[in-house]
Amino acid sequence: MDVIYERGEATAATVHAEIPKPPSYSAVRAMLRILEEKGVVRHREDGPRYVYSPVVVREKASRSALQNVVQTFFAGSLADAVAAFVDADTSRVSPDELKRLEEVIKEAKSRQKANP
């Protein structure tokens, strides 16, 4: 998806060529087909090739993917997911990122108090 978002549109060959350590070309094509079935991308035909473009804005797709990861690997617990990142290697979390996390939590608490 990064390649498609960055370029605006891309073929399977372009996606395959631009991702680091890519899976097989057929795996890239299969993933693009799945993304199209899920409504994340669409294609247009350019001769024998399909050219894919995003349907869903990047931010919405990112949130959906993250929610899926949290559900799949952390039994739906956002706290466990965040803890896994923060606890894993605190040197990877900058002071600015920690401050941002604190602000987000503070905002969420305020909204929760306002809408019990």
N, C-alpha and C. Protein backbone atom coordinates (compact mmCIF):
# COMPACT_ATOMS: atom_id res chain seq x y z
N MET A 1 0.83 -1.19 0.00
CA MET A 1 0.00 0.00 0.00
C MET A 1 0.87 1.25 0.00
N ASP A 2 2.01 1.21 0.69
CA ASP A 2 2.88 2.39 0.72
C ASP A 2 3.25 2.82 -0.69
N VAL A 3 3.61 1.87 -1.53
CA VAL A 3 3.99 2.20 -2.91
C VAL A 3 2.82 2.85 -3.64
N ILE A 4 1.64 2.31 -3.49
CA ILE A 4 0.47 2.86 -4.17
C ILE A 4 0.14 4.24 -3.64
N TYR A 5 0.19 4.42 -2.31
CA TYR A 5 -0.08 5.74 -1.75
C TYR A 5 0.96 6.76 -2.20
N GLU A 6 2.23 6.38 -2.21
CA GLU A 6 3.28 7.32 -2.60
C GLU A 6 3.19 7.71 -4.07
N ARG A 7 2.88 6.75 -4.93
CA ARG A 7 2.83 7.02 -6.36
C ARG A 7 1.47 7.49 -6.84
N GLY A 8 0.43 7.21 -6.07
CA GLY A 8 -0.92 7.53 -6.51
C GLY A 8 -1.57 6.37 -7.23
N GLU A 9 -0.76 5.59 -7.93
CA GLU A 9 -1.20 4.37 -8.58
C GLU A 9 0.04 3.56 -8.94
N ALA A 10 -0.14 2.25 -9.09
CA ALA A 10 1.00 1.39 -9.40
C ALA A 10 0.52 0.03 -9.91
N THR A 11 1.35 -0.59 -10.71
CA THR A 11 1.08 -1.95 -11.16
C THR A 11 1.66 -2.93 -10.14
N ALA A 12 1.30 -4.19 -10.27
CA ALA A 12 1.86 -5.21 -9.38
C ALA A 12 3.37 -5.28 -9.55
N ALA A 13 3.85 -5.12 -10.78
CA ALA A 13 5.29 -5.16 -11.02
C ALA A 13 6.00 -4.01 -10.31
N THR A 14 5.39 -2.83 -10.32
CA THR A 14 5.98 -1.68 -9.64
C THR A 14 6.01 -1.92 -8.14
N VAL A 15 4.92 -2.40 -7.60
CA VAL A 15 4.86 -2.69 -6.16
C VAL A 15 5.93 -3.72 -5.82
N HIS A 16 6.01 -4.78 -6.59
CA HIS A 16 7.00 -5.83 -6.34
C HIS A 16 8.41 -5.28 -6.38
N ALA A 17 8.70 -4.42 -7.35
CA ALA A 17 10.05 -3.88 -7.50
C ALA A 17 10.44 -2.92 -6.39
N GLU A 18 9.47 -2.25 -5.80
CA GLU A 18 9.78 -1.18 -4.86
C GLU A 18 9.72 -1.57 -3.38
N ILE A 19 9.19 -2.73 -3.07
CA ILE A 19 9.15 -3.09 -1.65
C ILE A 19 10.43 -3.85 -1.29
N PRO A 20 10.95 -3.56 -0.10
CA PRO A 20 12.16 -4.28 0.33
C PRO A 20 11.82 -5.74 0.65
N LYS A 21 12.70 -6.63 0.30
CA LYS A 21 12.52 -8.07 0.54
C LYS A 21 11.13 -8.53 0.13
N PRO A 22 10.80 -8.34 -1.14
CA PRO A 22 9.43 -8.65 -1.57
C PRO A 22 9.15 -10.15 -1.58
N PRO A 23 7.87 -10.49 -1.37
CA PRO A 23 7.48 -11.88 -1.60
C PRO A 23 7.48 -12.13 -3.10
N SER A 24 7.02 -13.28 -3.53
CA SER A 24 6.99 -13.57 -4.96
C SER A 24 6.05 -12.59 -5.67
N TYR A 25 6.25 -12.46 -6.95
CA TYR A 25 5.40 -11.58 -7.76
C TYR A 25 3.94 -12.04 -7.67
N SER A 26 3.73 -13.35 -7.71
CA SER A 26 2.35 -13.84 -7.64
C SER A 26 1.72 -13.54 -6.28
N ALA A 27 2.52 -13.52 -5.21
CA ALA A 27 1.99 -13.17 -3.89
C ALA A 27 1.58 -11.70 -3.85
N VAL A 28 2.36 -10.83 -4.52
CA VAL A 28 1.99 -9.41 -4.60
C VAL A 28 0.69 -9.25 -5.36
N ARG A 29 0.55 -9.95 -6.47
CA ARG A 29 -0.70 -9.88 -7.24
C ARG A 29 -1.88 -10.39 -6.42
N ALA A 30 -1.67 -11.46 -5.68
CA ALA A 30 -2.75 -12.01 -4.84
C ALA A 30 -3.15 -11.01 -3.76
N MET A 31 -2.17 -10.36 -3.16
CA MET A 31 -2.46 -9.38 -2.11
C MET A 31 -3.23 -8.20 -2.70
N LEU A 32 -2.86 -7.74 -3.87
CA LEU A 32 -3.58 -6.64 -4.51
C LEU A 32 -5.02 -7.04 -4.82
N ARG A 33 -5.21 -8.29 -5.23
CA ARG A 33 -6.57 -8.79 -5.49
C ARG A 33 -7.39 -8.79 -4.19
N ILE A 34 -6.78 -9.23 -3.11
CA ILE A 34 -7.47 -9.25 -1.81
C ILE A 34 -7.79 -7.84 -1.37
N LEU A 35 -6.84 -6.92 -1.53
CA LEU A 35 -7.09 -5.52 -1.16
C LEU A 35 -8.23 -4.94 -1.99
N GLU A 36 -8.31 -5.34 -3.25
CA GLU A 36 -9.41 -4.87 -4.10
C GLU A 36 -10.74 -5.46 -3.63
N GLU A 37 -10.75 -6.73 -3.27
CA GLU A 37 -11.98 -7.36 -2.76
C GLU A 37 -12.45 -6.68 -1.48
N LYS A 38 -11.51 -6.19 -0.67
CA LYS A 38 -11.85 -5.52 0.57
C LYS A 38 -12.21 -4.04 0.36
N GLY A 39 -12.07 -3.57 -0.88
CA GLY A 39 -12.44 -2.20 -1.19
C GLY A 39 -11.38 -1.16 -0.84
N VAL A 40 -10.15 -1.60 -0.66
CA VAL A 40 -9.07 -0.68 -0.29
C VAL A 40 -8.43 -0.06 -1.54
N VAL A 41 -8.35 -0.86 -2.61
CA VAL A 41 -7.82 -0.37 -3.89
C VAL A 41 -8.81 -0.72 -5.00
N ARG A 42 -8.62 -0.10 -6.14
CA ARG A 42 -9.36 -0.46 -7.35
C ARG A 42 -8.35 -0.49 -8.48
N HIS A 43 -8.74 -1.08 -9.59
CA HIS A 43 -7.82 -1.12 -10.72
C HIS A 43 -8.48 -0.60 -11.98
N ARG A 44 -7.63 -0.19 -12.89
CA ARG A 44 -8.05 0.11 -14.26
C ARG A 44 -7.11 -0.68 -15.16
N GLU A 45 -7.59 -1.01 -16.32
CA GLU A 45 -6.77 -1.79 -17.24
C GLU A 45 -5.96 -0.86 -18.13
N ASP A 46 -4.69 -1.20 -18.26
CA ASP A 46 -3.77 -0.47 -19.15
C ASP A 46 -3.12 -1.53 -20.02
N GLY A 47 -3.77 -1.84 -21.14
CA GLY A 47 -3.33 -2.97 -21.95
C GLY A 47 -3.52 -4.24 -21.14
N PRO A 48 -2.48 -5.07 -21.07
CA PRO A 48 -2.61 -6.32 -20.31
C PRO A 48 -2.41 -6.16 -18.80
N ARG A 49 -2.02 -4.96 -18.38
CA ARG A 49 -1.72 -4.74 -16.96
C ARG A 49 -2.88 -4.10 -16.22
N TYR A 50 -2.94 -4.38 -14.93
CA TYR A 50 -3.86 -3.69 -14.03
C TYR A 50 -3.05 -2.61 -13.31
N VAL A 51 -3.61 -1.41 -13.28
CA VAL A 51 -2.99 -0.31 -12.54
C VAL A 51 -3.89 -0.04 -11.34
N TYR A 52 -3.31 -0.18 -10.16
CA TYR A 52 -4.07 -0.06 -8.91
C TYR A 52 -3.94 1.34 -8.32
N SER A 53 -5.03 1.82 -7.75
CA SER A 53 -5.03 3.11 -7.06
C SER A 53 -5.81 2.96 -5.76
N PRO A 54 -5.48 3.77 -4.77
CA PRO A 54 -6.16 3.65 -3.48
C PRO A 54 -7.59 4.15 -3.54
N VAL A 55 -8.47 3.51 -2.79
CA VAL A 55 -9.85 3.93 -2.65
C VAL A 55 -10.03 4.58 -1.28
N VAL A 56 -9.36 4.02 -0.30
CA VAL A 56 -9.46 4.47 1.09
C VAL A 56 -8.28 5.39 1.39
N VAL A 57 -8.56 6.51 2.06
CA VAL A 57 -7.46 7.42 2.41
C VAL A 57 -6.51 6.71 3.37
N ARG A 58 -5.26 7.09 3.31
CA ARG A 58 -4.21 6.42 4.06
C ARG A 58 -4.51 6.33 5.55
N GLU A 59 -4.99 7.41 6.13
CA GLU A 59 -5.25 7.43 7.58
C GLU A 59 -6.32 6.41 7.97
N LYS A 60 -7.36 6.31 7.18
CA LYS A 60 -8.43 5.34 7.47
C LYS A 60 -7.91 3.91 7.33
N ALA A 61 -7.12 3.67 6.30
CA ALA A 61 -6.55 2.34 6.10
C ALA A 61 -5.60 1.98 7.23
N SER A 62 -4.82 2.95 7.69
CA SER A 62 -3.89 2.72 8.80
C SER A 62 -4.63 2.34 10.07
N ARG A 63 -5.70 3.08 10.37
CA ARG A 63 -6.49 2.79 11.57
C ARG A 63 -7.11 1.39 11.49
N SER A 64 -7.64 1.06 10.34
CA SER A 64 -8.26 -0.25 10.17
C SER A 64 -7.24 -1.37 10.34
N ALA A 65 -6.07 -1.20 9.75
CA ALA A 65 -5.02 -2.22 9.87
C ALA A 65 -4.56 -2.36 11.31
N LEU A 66 -4.41 -1.23 12.00
CA LEU A 66 -3.98 -1.27 13.39
C LEU A 66 -5.04 -1.95 14.27
N GLN A 67 -6.30 -1.63 14.03
CA GLN A 67 -7.37 -2.28 14.80
C GLN A 67 -7.36 -3.79 14.58
N ASN A 68 -7.06 -4.19 13.36
CA ASN A 68 -6.99 -5.62 13.04
C ASN A 68 -5.83 -6.28 13.79
N VAL A 69 -4.68 -5.62 13.84
CA VAL A 69 -3.52 -6.15 14.56
C VAL A 69 -3.83 -6.26 16.06
N VAL A 70 -4.43 -5.21 16.62
CA VAL A 70 -4.77 -5.23 18.05
C VAL A 70 -5.74 -6.38 18.34
N GLN A 71 -6.73 -6.56 17.49
CA GLN A 71 -7.71 -7.64 17.69
C GLN A 71 -7.04 -9.00 17.56
N THR A 72 -6.19 -9.16 16.55
CA THR A 72 -5.59 -10.45 16.26
C THR A 72 -4.53 -10.86 17.27
N PHE A 73 -3.63 -9.93 17.62
CA PHE A 73 -2.48 -10.30 18.43
C PHE A 73 -2.59 -9.92 19.91
N PHE A 74 -3.53 -9.05 20.24
CA PHE A 74 -3.64 -8.57 21.62
C PHE A 74 -5.06 -8.74 22.17
N ALA A 75 -5.83 -9.64 21.57
CA ALA A 75 -7.19 -9.93 22.02
C ALA A 75 -8.03 -8.67 22.19
N GLY A 76 -7.78 -7.68 21.34
CA GLY A 76 -8.55 -6.45 21.37
C GLY A 76 -8.10 -5.44 22.40
N SER A 77 -7.03 -5.73 23.14
CA SER A 77 -6.57 -4.82 24.19
C SER A 77 -5.57 -3.80 23.65
N LEU A 78 -6.03 -2.57 23.53
CA LEU A 78 -5.15 -1.49 23.08
C LEU A 78 -4.03 -1.28 24.08
N ALA A 79 -4.34 -1.39 25.37
CA ALA A 79 -3.33 -1.21 26.42
C ALA A 79 -2.20 -2.23 26.26
N ASP A 80 -2.55 -3.48 25.99
CA ASP A 80 -1.53 -4.51 25.80
C ASP A 80 -0.68 -4.24 24.56
N ALA A 81 -1.32 -3.75 23.51
CA ALA A 81 -0.58 -3.44 22.28
C ALA A 81 0.41 -2.30 22.51
N VAL A 82 -0.04 -1.24 23.16
CA VAL A 82 0.86 -0.11 23.44
C VAL A 82 1.97 -0.56 24.38
N ALA A 83 1.62 -1.33 25.40
CA ALA A 83 2.62 -1.82 26.34
C ALA A 83 3.68 -2.67 25.64
N ALA A 84 3.28 -3.45 24.66
CA ALA A 84 4.23 -4.28 23.93
C ALA A 84 5.28 -3.42 23.23
N PHE A 85 4.86 -2.29 22.69
CA PHE A 85 5.81 -1.40 22.03
C PHE A 85 6.68 -0.65 23.03
N VAL A 86 6.07 -0.15 24.07
CA VAL A 86 6.79 0.66 25.04
C VAL A 86 7.71 -0.21 25.89
N ASP A 87 7.22 -1.36 26.34
CA ASP A 87 8.01 -2.24 27.20
C ASP A 87 9.12 -2.96 26.45
N ALA A 88 8.93 -3.21 25.16
CA ALA A 88 9.87 -4.00 24.39
C ALA A 88 11.26 -3.38 24.37
N ASP A 89 11.33 -2.10 24.15
CA ASP A 89 12.63 -1.44 24.05
C ASP A 89 12.41 0.05 24.27
N THR A 90 12.55 0.48 25.51
CA THR A 90 12.25 1.87 25.82
C THR A 90 13.17 2.84 25.10
N SER A 91 14.32 2.39 24.63
CA SER A 91 15.21 3.30 23.91
C SER A 91 14.63 3.67 22.54
N ARG A 92 13.67 2.87 22.04
CA ARG A 92 13.04 3.18 20.75
C ARG A 92 11.96 4.24 20.89
N VAL A 93 11.50 4.48 22.10
CA VAL A 93 10.43 5.45 22.33
C VAL A 93 11.07 6.75 22.78
N SER A 94 10.96 7.76 21.94
CA SER A 94 11.59 9.05 22.25
C SER A 94 10.78 9.78 23.32
N PRO A 95 11.41 10.73 24.00
CA PRO A 95 10.66 11.54 24.96
C PRO A 95 9.46 12.25 24.33
N ASP A 96 9.62 12.70 23.08
CA ASP A 96 8.50 13.35 22.38
C ASP A 96 7.35 12.37 22.15
N GLU A 97 7.67 11.11 21.81
CA GLU A 97 6.62 10.12 21.60
C GLU A 97 5.92 9.80 22.92
N LEU A 98 6.68 9.69 24.00
CA LEU A 98 6.07 9.44 25.31
C LEU A 98 5.15 10.59 25.70
N LYS A 99 5.60 11.81 25.43
CA LYS A 99 4.76 12.97 25.74
C LYS A 99 3.48 12.93 24.91
N ARG A 100 3.59 12.58 23.64
CA ARG A 100 2.41 12.49 22.77
C ARG A 100 1.45 11.43 23.29
N LEU A 101 1.97 10.28 23.72
CA LEU A 101 1.12 9.24 24.28
C LEU A 101 0.40 9.73 25.54
N GLU A 102 1.10 10.45 26.38
CA GLU A 102 0.48 11.01 27.58
C GLU A 102 -0.64 11.97 27.22
N GLU A 103 -0.42 12.81 26.20
CA GLU A 103 -1.44 13.76 25.77
C GLU A 103 -2.67 13.05 25.22
N VAL A 104 -2.45 12.02 24.43
CA VAL A 104 -3.56 11.27 23.85
C VAL A 104 -4.38 10.61 24.96
N ILE A 105 -3.70 10.03 25.94
CA ILE A 105 -4.40 9.39 27.06
C ILE A 105 -5.17 10.43 27.87
N LYS A 106 -4.56 11.56 28.10
CA LYS A 106 -5.23 12.64 28.85
C LYS A 106 -6.49 13.10 28.12
N GLU A 107 -6.39 13.28 26.79
CA GLU A 107 -7.56 13.68 25.99
C GLU A 107 -8.66 12.62 26.06
N ALA A 108 -8.28 11.36 25.97
CA ALA A 108 -9.26 10.28 26.01
C ALA A 108 -9.97 10.25 27.35
N LYS A 109 -9.23 10.47 28.42
CA LYS A 109 -9.85 10.51 29.77
C LYS A 109 -10.82 11.67 29.87
N SER A 110 -10.46 12.83 29.32
CA SER A 110 -11.34 13.99 29.35
C SER A 110 -12.63 13.73 28.58
N ARG A 111 -12.51 13.12 27.41
CA ARG A 111 -13.70 12.80 26.61
C ARG A 111 -14.58 11.78 27.33
N GLN A 112 -13.94 10.82 27.99
CA GLN A 112 -14.69 9.80 28.71
C GLN A 112 -15.46 10.40 29.88
N LYS A 113 -14.86 11.35 30.57
CA LYS A 113 -15.54 12.02 31.69
C LYS A 113 -16.70 12.86 31.19
N ALA A 114 -16.54 13.48 30.01
CA ALA A 114 -17.58 14.33 29.45
C ALA A 114 -18.75 13.52 28.91
N ASN A 115 -18.48 12.29 28.50
CA ASN A 115 -19.52 11.41 27.92
C ASN A 115 -19.53 10.07 28.65
N PRO A 116 -20.01 10.05 29.88
CA PRO A 116 -19.96 8.79 30.66
C PRO A 116 -20.84 7.69 30.11
